[in-house]
Amino acid sequence: MPERVVLAYSGGLDTSVAVKWIAQEWGAEVVALAVDVGQSADDDWETIRRRALAAGAVEASSSTPRTSSPATT
């Protein structure tokens, strides 16, 4: 089974190229992770996810701030 690498993915040209490069050079599966840290994004999260998959990521996910507090146990 190939190694998996999680890539902090912005959706831009550099990280899109990095997805393919990592897969080709390292033989690894790339999981793209986009995180909303308050920056303004040119594209919506679904567009960024689709771009990561088109670049060759085996999984793509985004994390956005919660609108409510998580339940505590």
PDB file of N, CA and C in Angstrom:
ATOM      1  N   MET A   1       0.841  -1.178   0.000  1.00  0.00           N
ATOM      2  CA  MET A   1       0.000   0.000   0.000  1.00  0.00           C
ATOM      3  C   MET A   1       0.889   1.245   0.000  1.00  0.00           C
ATOM      4  N   PRO A   2       0.605   2.228  -0.869  1.00  0.00           N
ATOM      5  CA  PRO A   2       1.439   3.426  -0.920  1.00  0.00           C
ATOM      6  C   PRO A   2       1.316   4.266   0.350  1.00  0.00           C
ATOM      7  N   GLU A   3       2.361   5.004   0.625  1.00  0.00           N
ATOM      8  CA  GLU A   3       2.347   5.946   1.745  1.00  0.00           C
ATOM      9  C   GLU A   3       1.359   7.066   1.419  1.00  0.00           C
ATOM     10  N   ARG A   4       0.738   7.625   2.449  1.00  0.00           N
ATOM     11  CA  ARG A   4      -0.172   8.757   2.277  1.00  0.00           C
ATOM     12  C   ARG A   4       0.466  10.002   2.855  1.00  0.00           C
ATOM     13  N   VAL A   5       0.282  11.105   2.148  1.00  0.00           N
ATOM     14  CA  VAL A   5       0.804  12.395   2.568  1.00  0.00           C
ATOM     15  C   VAL A   5      -0.362  13.366   2.635  1.00  0.00           C
ATOM     16  N   VAL A   6      -0.443  14.130   3.729  1.00  0.00           N
ATOM     17  CA  VAL A   6      -1.456  15.176   3.833  1.00  0.00           C
ATOM     18  C   VAL A   6      -0.790  16.485   3.436  1.00  0.00           C
ATOM     19  N   LEU A   7      -1.378  17.159   2.452  1.00  0.00           N
ATOM     20  CA  LEU A   7      -0.844  18.410   1.932  1.00  0.00           C
ATOM     21  C   LEU A   7      -1.771  19.551   2.316  1.00  0.00           C
ATOM     22  N   ALA A   8      -1.221  20.583   2.954  1.00  0.00           N
ATOM     23  CA  ALA A   8      -1.991  21.797   3.225  1.00  0.00           C
ATOM     24  C   ALA A   8      -2.240  22.446   1.872  1.00  0.00           C
ATOM     25  N   TYR A   9      -3.485  22.431   1.434  1.00  0.00           N
ATOM     26  CA  TYR A   9      -3.845  22.783   0.063  1.00  0.00           C
ATOM     27  C   TYR A   9      -4.602  24.099   0.018  1.00  0.00           C
ATOM     28  N   SER A  10      -4.085  25.055  -0.768  1.00  0.00           N
ATOM     29  CA  SER A  10      -4.740  26.363  -0.878  1.00  0.00           C
ATOM     30  C   SER A  10      -5.693  26.447  -2.056  1.00  0.00           C
ATOM     31  N   GLY A  11      -5.519  25.562  -3.014  1.00  0.00           N
ATOM     32  CA  GLY A  11      -6.332  25.620  -4.218  1.00  0.00           C
ATOM     33  C   GLY A  11      -5.670  26.402  -5.331  1.00  0.00           C
ATOM     34  N   GLY A  12      -4.499  26.937  -5.072  1.00  0.00           N
ATOM     35  CA  GLY A  12      -3.769  27.710  -6.072  1.00  0.00           C
ATOM     36  C   GLY A  12      -2.884  26.840  -6.948  1.00  0.00           C
ATOM     37  N   LEU A  13      -2.176  27.476  -7.852  1.00  0.00           N
ATOM     38  CA  LEU A  13      -1.328  26.767  -8.796  1.00  0.00           C
ATOM     39  C   LEU A  13      -0.221  25.984  -8.099  1.00  0.00           C
ATOM     40  N   ASP A  14       0.455  26.607  -7.130  1.00  0.00           N
ATOM     41  CA  ASP A  14       1.588  25.937  -6.472  1.00  0.00           C
ATOM     42  C   ASP A  14       1.188  24.632  -5.800  1.00  0.00           C
ATOM     43  N   THR A  15       0.120  24.665  -5.000  1.00  0.00           N
ATOM     44  CA  THR A  15      -0.261  23.435  -4.300  1.00  0.00           C
ATOM     45  C   THR A  15      -0.914  22.431  -5.236  1.00  0.00           C
ATOM     46  N   SER A  16      -1.526  22.899  -6.320  1.00  0.00           N
ATOM     47  CA  SER A  16      -2.084  21.968  -7.304  1.00  0.00           C
ATOM     48  C   SER A  16      -0.966  21.205  -8.003  1.00  0.00           C
ATOM     49  N   VAL A  17       0.111  21.901  -8.354  1.00  0.00           N
ATOM     50  CA  VAL A  17       1.272  21.243  -8.953  1.00  0.00           C
ATOM     51  C   VAL A  17       1.921  20.306  -7.934  1.00  0.00           C
ATOM     52  N   ALA A  18       1.952  20.723  -6.669  1.00  0.00           N
ATOM     53  CA  ALA A  18       2.562  19.897  -5.628  1.00  0.00           C
ATOM     54  C   ALA A  18       1.848  18.559  -5.478  1.00  0.00           C
ATOM     55  N   VAL A  19       0.536  18.530  -5.646  1.00  0.00           N
ATOM     56  CA  VAL A  19      -0.215  17.272  -5.552  1.00  0.00           C
ATOM     57  C   VAL A  19       0.351  16.262  -6.544  1.00  0.00           C
ATOM     58  N   LYS A  20       0.444  16.649  -7.801  1.00  0.00           N
ATOM     59  CA  LYS A  20       0.939  15.759  -8.847  1.00  0.00           C
ATOM     60  C   LYS A  20       2.406  15.410  -8.637  1.00  0.00           C
ATOM     61  N   TRP A  21       3.210  16.391  -8.239  1.00  0.00           N
ATOM     62  CA  TRP A  21       4.642  16.166  -8.036  1.00  0.00           C
ATOM     63  C   TRP A  21       4.893  15.151  -6.931  1.00  0.00           C
ATOM     64  N   ILE A  22       4.193  15.311  -5.819  1.00  0.00           N
ATOM     65  CA  ILE A  22       4.362  14.371  -4.698  1.00  0.00           C
ATOM     66  C   ILE A  22       3.982  12.957  -5.134  1.00  0.00           C
ATOM     67  N   ALA A  23       2.875  12.838  -5.847  1.00  0.00           N
ATOM     68  CA  ALA A  23       2.438  11.518  -6.307  1.00  0.00           C
ATOM     69  C   ALA A  23       3.464  10.893  -7.239  1.00  0.00           C
ATOM     70  N   GLN A  24       4.012  11.668  -8.153  1.00  0.00           N
ATOM     71  CA  GLN A  24       4.964  11.132  -9.126  1.00  0.00           C
ATOM     72  C   GLN A  24       6.341  10.886  -8.524  1.00  0.00           C
ATOM     73  N   GLU A  25       6.859  11.847  -7.776  1.00  0.00           N
ATOM     74  CA  GLU A  25       8.223  11.748  -7.251  1.00  0.00           C
ATOM     75  C   GLU A  25       8.342  10.819  -6.049  1.00  0.00           C
ATOM     76  N   TRP A  26       7.361  10.813  -5.185  1.00  0.00           N
ATOM     77  CA  TRP A  26       7.414  10.007  -3.976  1.00  0.00           C
ATOM     78  C   TRP A  26       6.600   8.730  -4.080  1.00  0.00           C
ATOM     79  N   GLY A  27       5.738   8.651  -5.086  1.00  0.00           N
ATOM     80  CA  GLY A  27       4.864   7.487  -5.213  1.00  0.00           C
ATOM     81  C   GLY A  27       3.825   7.422  -4.103  1.00  0.00           C
ATOM     82  N   ALA A  28       3.496   8.571  -3.532  1.00  0.00           N
ATOM     83  CA  ALA A  28       2.574   8.621  -2.400  1.00  0.00           C
ATOM     84  C   ALA A  28       1.183   9.041  -2.849  1.00  0.00           C
ATOM     85  N   GLU A  29       0.190   8.610  -2.104  1.00  0.00           N
ATOM     86  CA  GLU A  29      -1.163   9.112  -2.279  1.00  0.00           C
ATOM     87  C   GLU A  29      -1.255  10.439  -1.543  1.00  0.00           C
ATOM     88  N   VAL A  30      -1.870  11.429  -2.171  1.00  0.00           N
ATOM     89  CA  VAL A  30      -1.950  12.763  -1.579  1.00  0.00           C
ATOM     90  C   VAL A  30      -3.375  13.036  -1.102  1.00  0.00           C
ATOM     91  N   VAL A  31      -3.469  13.424   0.154  1.00  0.00           N
ATOM     92  CA  VAL A  31      -4.726  13.884   0.733  1.00  0.00           C
ATOM     93  C   VAL A  31      -4.600  15.399   0.867  1.00  0.00           C
ATOM     94  N   ALA A  32      -5.463  16.130   0.171  1.00  0.00           N
ATOM     95  CA  ALA A  32      -5.412  17.592   0.191  1.00  0.00           C
ATOM     96  C   ALA A  32      -6.343  18.113   1.283  1.00  0.00           C
ATOM     97  N   LEU A  33      -5.827  18.987   2.117  1.00  0.00           N
ATOM     98  CA  LEU A  33      -6.609  19.560   3.204  1.00  0.00           C
ATOM     99  C   LEU A  33      -6.560  21.078   3.123  1.00  0.00           C
ATOM    100  N   ALA A  34      -7.715  21.680   2.931  1.00  0.00           N
ATOM    101  CA  ALA A  34      -7.831  23.144   2.917  1.00  0.00           C
ATOM    102  C   ALA A  34      -8.469  23.568   4.235  1.00  0.00           C
ATOM    103  N   VAL A  35      -7.886  24.551   4.875  1.00  0.00           N
ATOM    104  CA  VAL A  35      -8.363  24.995   6.181  1.00  0.00           C
ATOM    105  C   VAL A  35      -8.694  26.484   6.137  1.00  0.00           C
ATOM    106  N   ASP A  36      -9.874  26.828   6.586  1.00  0.00           N
ATOM    107  CA  ASP A  36     -10.286  28.225   6.673  1.00  0.00           C
ATOM    108  C   ASP A  36      -9.725  28.801   7.968  1.00  0.00           C
ATOM    109  N   VAL A  37      -8.735  29.666   7.827  1.00  0.00           N
ATOM    110  CA  VAL A  37      -8.145  30.317   8.997  1.00  0.00           C
ATOM    111  C   VAL A  37      -8.474  31.812   8.998  1.00  0.00           C
ATOM    112  N   GLY A  38      -9.574  32.158   8.305  1.00  0.00           N
ATOM    113  CA  GLY A  38     -10.028  33.526   8.294  1.00  0.00           C
ATOM    114  C   GLY A  38      -9.632  34.318   7.063  1.00  0.00           C
ATOM    115  N   GLN A  39      -8.881  33.690   6.174  1.00  0.00           N
ATOM    116  CA  GLN A  39      -8.483  34.393   4.956  1.00  0.00           C
ATOM    117  C   GLN A  39      -9.667  34.513   4.001  1.00  0.00           C
ATOM    118  N   SER A  40      -9.601  35.463   3.099  1.00  0.00           N
ATOM    119  CA  SER A  40     -10.640  35.545   2.073  1.00  0.00           C
ATOM    120  C   SER A  40     -10.235  34.597   0.948  1.00  0.00           C
ATOM    121  N   ALA A  41     -11.177  33.807   0.498  1.00  0.00           N
ATOM    122  CA  ALA A  41     -10.894  32.836  -0.554  1.00  0.00           C
ATOM    123  C   ALA A  41     -11.511  33.323  -1.859  1.00  0.00           C
ATOM    124  N   ASP A  42     -10.766  33.147  -2.939  1.00  0.00           N
ATOM    125  CA  ASP A  42     -11.282  33.525  -4.254  1.00  0.00           C
ATOM    126  C   ASP A  42     -12.359  32.559  -4.730  1.00  0.00           C
ATOM    127  N   ASP A  43     -12.283  31.311  -4.270  1.00  0.00           N
ATOM    128  CA  ASP A  43     -13.217  30.274  -4.688  1.00  0.00           C
ATOM    129  C   ASP A  43     -13.915  29.684  -3.470  1.00  0.00           C
ATOM    130  N   ASP A  44     -15.088  29.097  -3.711  1.00  0.00           N
ATOM    131  CA  ASP A  44     -15.772  28.432  -2.602  1.00  0.00           C
ATOM    132  C   ASP A  44     -15.081  27.108  -2.310  1.00  0.00           C
ATOM    133  N   TRP A  45     -15.374  26.536  -1.164  1.00  0.00           N
ATOM    134  CA  TRP A  45     -14.679  25.329  -0.703  1.00  0.00           C
ATOM    135  C   TRP A  45     -14.923  24.132  -1.614  1.00  0.00           C
ATOM    136  N   GLU A  46     -16.095  24.011  -2.191  1.00  0.00           N
ATOM    137  CA  GLU A  46     -16.371  22.893  -3.095  1.00  0.00           C
ATOM    138  C   GLU A  46     -15.520  22.986  -4.357  1.00  0.00           C
ATOM    139  N   THR A  47     -15.321  24.179  -4.873  1.00  0.00           N
ATOM    140  CA  THR A  47     -14.468  24.377  -6.046  1.00  0.00           C
ATOM    141  C   THR A  47     -13.027  23.996  -5.723  1.00  0.00           C
ATOM    142  N   ILE A  48     -12.562  24.383  -4.560  1.00  0.00           N
ATOM    143  CA  ILE A  48     -11.199  24.043  -4.133  1.00  0.00           C
ATOM    144  C   ILE A  48     -11.059  22.530  -3.984  1.00  0.00           C
ATOM    145  N   ARG A  49     -12.067  21.882  -3.424  1.00  0.00           N
ATOM    146  CA  ARG A  49     -12.036  20.418  -3.269  1.00  0.00           C
ATOM    147  C   ARG A  49     -11.967  19.724  -4.627  1.00  0.00           C
ATOM    148  N   ARG A  50     -12.808  20.165  -5.559  1.00  0.00           N
ATOM    149  CA  ARG A  50     -12.815  19.569  -6.900  1.00  0.00           C
ATOM    150  C   ARG A  50     -11.480  19.798  -7.612  1.00  0.00           C
ATOM    151  N   ARG A  51     -10.880  20.956  -7.416  1.00  0.00           N
ATOM    152  CA  ARG A  51      -9.581  21.251  -8.031  1.00  0.00           C
ATOM    153  C   ARG A  51      -8.506  20.304  -7.494  1.00  0.00           C
ATOM    154  N   ALA A  52      -8.530  20.033  -6.201  1.00  0.00           N
ATOM    155  CA  ALA A  52      -7.550  19.113  -5.614  1.00  0.00           C
ATOM    156  C   ALA A  52      -7.702  17.708  -6.199  1.00  0.00           C
ATOM    157  N   LEU A  53      -8.927  17.251  -6.320  1.00  0.00           N
ATOM    158  CA  LEU A  53      -9.165  15.923  -6.889  1.00  0.00           C
ATOM    159  C   LEU A  53      -8.731  15.876  -8.353  1.00  0.00           C
ATOM    160  N   ALA A  54      -8.992  16.933  -9.101  1.00  0.00           N
ATOM    161  CA  ALA A  54      -8.585  16.987 -10.507  1.00  0.00           C
ATOM    162  C   ALA A  54      -7.063  16.979 -10.643  1.00  0.00           C
ATOM    163  N   ALA A  55      -6.369  17.527  -9.640  1.00  0.00           N
ATOM    164  CA  ALA A  55      -4.910  17.557  -9.661  1.00  0.00           C
ATOM    165  C   ALA A  55      -4.302  16.205  -9.307  1.00  0.00           C
ATOM    166  N   GLY A  56      -5.135  15.283  -8.796  1.00  0.00           N
ATOM    167  CA  GLY A  56      -4.640  13.949  -8.496  1.00  0.00           C
ATOM    168  C   GLY A  56      -4.722  13.521  -7.045  1.00  0.00           C
ATOM    169  N   ALA A  57      -5.273  14.357  -6.183  1.00  0.00           N
ATOM    170  CA  ALA A  57      -5.423  13.963  -4.776  1.00  0.00           C
ATOM    171  C   ALA A  57      -6.402  12.785  -4.678  1.00  0.00           C
ATOM    172  N   VAL A  58      -6.111  11.840  -3.791  1.00  0.00           N
ATOM    173  CA  VAL A  58      -7.009  10.702  -3.602  1.00  0.00           C
ATOM    174  C   VAL A  58      -8.176  11.066  -2.696  1.00  0.00           C
ATOM    175  N   GLU A  59      -7.981  12.089  -1.874  1.00  0.00           N
ATOM    176  CA  GLU A  59      -9.036  12.632  -1.016  1.00  0.00           C
ATOM    177  C   GLU A  59      -8.816  14.132  -0.920  1.00  0.00           C
ATOM    178  N   ALA A  60      -9.901  14.854  -0.735  1.00  0.00           N
ATOM    179  CA  ALA A  60      -9.793  16.301  -0.546  1.00  0.00           C
ATOM    180  C   ALA A  60     -10.869  16.716   0.438  1.00  0.00           C
ATOM    181  N   SER A  61     -10.463  17.535   1.384  1.00  0.00           N
ATOM    182  CA  SER A  61     -11.373  17.923   2.447  1.00  0.00           C
ATOM    183  C   SER A  61     -11.083  19.354   2.845  1.00  0.00           C
ATOM    184  N   SER A  62     -12.075  19.995   3.433  1.00  0.00           N
ATOM    185  CA  SER A  62     -11.860  21.345   3.943  1.00  0.00           C
ATOM    186  C   SER A  62     -12.397  21.429   5.358  1.00  0.00           C
ATOM    187  N   SER A  63     -11.830  22.343   6.090  1.00  0.00           N
ATOM    188  CA  SER A  63     -12.248  22.579   7.461  1.00  0.00           C
ATOM    189  C   SER A  63     -12.637  24.039   7.564  1.00  0.00           C
ATOM    190  N   THR A  64     -13.864  24.280   7.987  1.00  0.00           N
ATOM    191  CA  THR A  64     -14.340  25.645   8.164  1.00  0.00           C
ATOM    192  C   THR A  64     -14.708  25.845   9.622  1.00  0.00           C
ATOM    193  N   PRO A  65     -14.660  27.086  10.085  1.00  0.00           N
ATOM    194  CA  PRO A  65     -14.994  27.332  11.492  1.00  0.00           C
ATOM    195  C   PRO A  65     -16.414  26.883  11.818  1.00  0.00           C
ATOM    196  N   ARG A  66     -16.587  26.385  13.016  1.00  0.00           N
ATOM    197  CA  ARG A  66     -17.920  25.987  13.470  1.00  0.00           C
ATOM    198  C   ARG A  66     -18.740  27.235  13.760  1.00  0.00           C
ATOM    199  N   THR A  67     -20.032  27.135  13.465  1.00  0.00           N
ATOM    200  CA  THR A  67     -20.902  28.260  13.765  1.00  0.00           C
ATOM    201  C   THR A  67     -21.440  28.182  15.195  1.00  0.00           C
ATOM    202  N   SER A  68     -21.293  27.036  15.813  1.00  0.00           N
ATOM    203  CA  SER A  68     -21.708  26.891  17.205  1.00  0.00           C
ATOM    204  C   SER A  68     -20.647  26.092  17.940  1.00  0.00           C
ATOM    205  N   SER A  69     -20.663  26.172  19.227  1.00  0.00           N
ATOM    206  CA  SER A  69     -19.674  25.442  20.023  1.00  0.00           C
ATOM    207  C   SER A  69     -19.977  23.964  20.020  1.00  0.00           C
ATOM    208  N   PRO A  70     -18.920  23.131  19.973  1.00  0.00           N
ATOM    209  CA  PRO A  70     -19.154  21.689  20.033  1.00  0.00           C
ATOM    210  C   PRO A  70     -19.670  21.289  21.402  1.00  0.00           C
ATOM    211  N   ALA A  71     -20.427  20.207  21.432  1.00  0.00           N
ATOM    212  CA  ALA A  71     -20.925  19.700  22.718  1.00  0.00           C
ATOM    213  C   ALA A  71     -19.771  19.163  23.536  1.00  0.00           C
ATOM    214  N   THR A  72     -19.822  19.370  24.807  1.00  0.00           N
ATOM    215  CA  THR A  72     -18.788  18.835  25.688  1.00  0.00           C
ATOM    216  C   THR A  72     -19.319  17.601  26.384  1.00  0.00           C
ATOM    217  N   THR A  73     -18.419  16.700  26.659  1.00  0.00           N
ATOM    218  CA  THR A  73     -18.843  15.459  27.332  1.00  0.00           C
ATOM    219  C   THR A  73     -18.286  15.387  28.724  1.00  0.00           C
TER     220      THR A  73
END
